[in-house]
Structure formats: C-alpha cells, structure tokens
Amino acid sequence: MNTKTVTDKVERKKIKRAVRKKAAPKAKRASGVARGSLKKKIRRQAQGQRKR
C-alpha cells in the first residue's frame, strides 16, 4: 500500500482504508506472548546484555 504518489490527504485516506478493508485479518497474538506493561520486568540490566 504505497500512497506516496497521492498528494491529496482525503484521497490517500480513502485508498488506505479500502486496502485495509480488503486485507486478510491478522492472526491473534499467541497466548504466551506478553505485551507492554504485562512484560516481565528486569531488575538491573547488565551492560552489553539482552534484556529478555
């Protein structure tokens, strides 16, 4: 959905909405995957290490 060539804002929104409506529905998030505030907190991050 590349709408860079469309200069009119209203027209671009129309195109984007139409494409979004046509697109296949996204799969639900897996039950074990936490997001945002539900993620496990880290006490103190060691330098150069991955957080999770």
C-alpha atoms as a PDB file:
ATOM      1  CA  MET A   1       0.000   0.000   0.000  1.00  0.00           C
ATOM      2  CA  ASN A   2       2.358   2.708  -1.222  1.00  0.00           C
ATOM      3  CA  THR A   3       0.475   6.012  -1.267  1.00  0.00           C
ATOM      4  CA  LYS A   4       3.448   8.372  -1.581  1.00  0.00           C
ATOM      5  CA  THR A   5       2.396   9.451  -5.067  1.00  0.00           C
ATOM      6  CA  VAL A   6      -1.078  10.548  -3.912  1.00  0.00           C
ATOM      7  CA  THR A   7      -0.866  14.169  -2.788  1.00  0.00           C
ATOM      8  CA  ASP A   8      -4.463  14.708  -1.640  1.00  0.00           C
ATOM      9  CA  LYS A   9      -4.836  13.734   2.036  1.00  0.00           C
ATOM     10  CA  VAL A  10      -8.501  12.732   1.779  1.00  0.00           C
ATOM     11  CA  GLU A  11      -7.878  10.623  -1.303  1.00  0.00           C
ATOM     12  CA  ARG A  12      -4.911   8.913   0.359  1.00  0.00           C
ATOM     13  CA  LYS A  13      -7.038   8.065   3.406  1.00  0.00           C
ATOM     14  CA  LYS A  14      -9.731   6.599   1.157  1.00  0.00           C
ATOM     15  CA  ILE A  15      -7.198   4.352  -0.591  1.00  0.00           C
ATOM     16  CA  LYS A  16      -5.626   3.216   2.676  1.00  0.00           C
ATOM     17  CA  ARG A  17      -8.998   2.374   4.220  1.00  0.00           C
ATOM     18  CA  ALA A  18     -10.040   0.392   1.155  1.00  0.00           C
ATOM     19  CA  VAL A  19      -6.799  -1.602   1.174  1.00  0.00           C
ATOM     20  CA  ARG A  20      -7.078  -2.247   4.913  1.00  0.00           C
ATOM     21  CA  LYS A  21     -10.637  -3.496   4.474  1.00  0.00           C
ATOM     22  CA  LYS A  22      -9.574  -5.866   1.680  1.00  0.00           C
ATOM     23  CA  ALA A  23      -6.577  -7.267   3.594  1.00  0.00           C
ATOM     24  CA  ALA A  24      -6.819 -10.638   5.310  1.00  0.00           C
ATOM     25  CA  PRO A  25      -7.437 -10.387   9.060  1.00  0.00           C
ATOM     26  CA  LYS A  26      -4.330 -10.567  11.223  1.00  0.00           C
ATOM     27  CA  ALA A  27      -3.809 -13.644  13.373  1.00  0.00           C
ATOM     28  CA  LYS A  28      -4.440 -13.315  17.096  1.00  0.00           C
ATOM     29  CA  ARG A  29      -1.397 -12.945  19.321  1.00  0.00           C
ATOM     30  CA  ALA A  30      -0.195 -16.223  20.841  1.00  0.00           C
ATOM     31  CA  SER A  31      -1.383 -16.798  24.400  1.00  0.00           C
ATOM     32  CA  GLY A  32       2.154 -16.927  25.835  1.00  0.00           C
ATOM     33  CA  VAL A  33       3.276 -13.599  24.394  1.00  0.00           C
ATOM     34  CA  ALA A  34       3.099 -10.711  26.844  1.00  0.00           C
ATOM     35  CA  ARG A  35       2.940  -7.177  25.568  1.00  0.00           C
ATOM     36  CA  GLY A  36       3.639  -3.765  27.034  1.00  0.00           C
ATOM     37  CA  SER A  37       3.007  -3.434  30.760  1.00  0.00           C
ATOM     38  CA  LEU A  38       2.442  -7.197  31.094  1.00  0.00           C
ATOM     39  CA  LYS A  39       6.052  -7.990  30.166  1.00  0.00           C
ATOM     40  CA  LYS A  40       8.333  -9.396  32.824  1.00  0.00           C
ATOM     41  CA  LYS A  41      10.338  -6.569  34.390  1.00  0.00           C
ATOM     42  CA  ILE A  42      14.121  -6.695  34.684  1.00  0.00           C
ATOM     43  CA  ARG A  43      15.819  -5.698  37.937  1.00  0.00           C
ATOM     44  CA  ARG A  44      19.053  -4.258  36.607  1.00  0.00           C
ATOM     45  CA  GLN A  45      20.386  -4.644  33.129  1.00  0.00           C
ATOM     46  CA  ALA A  46      23.988  -5.744  32.761  1.00  0.00           C
ATOM     47  CA  GLN A  47      25.826  -3.702  30.158  1.00  0.00           C
ATOM     48  CA  GLY A  48      26.009  -5.294  26.738  1.00  0.00           C
ATOM     49  CA  GLN A  49      23.425  -7.975  27.534  1.00  0.00           C
ATOM     50  CA  ARG A  50      19.997  -8.585  26.060  1.00  0.00           C
ATOM     51  CA  LYS A  51      17.158  -7.621  28.371  1.00  0.00           C
ATOM     52  CA  ARG A  52      14.878 -10.571  27.754  1.00  0.00           C
END
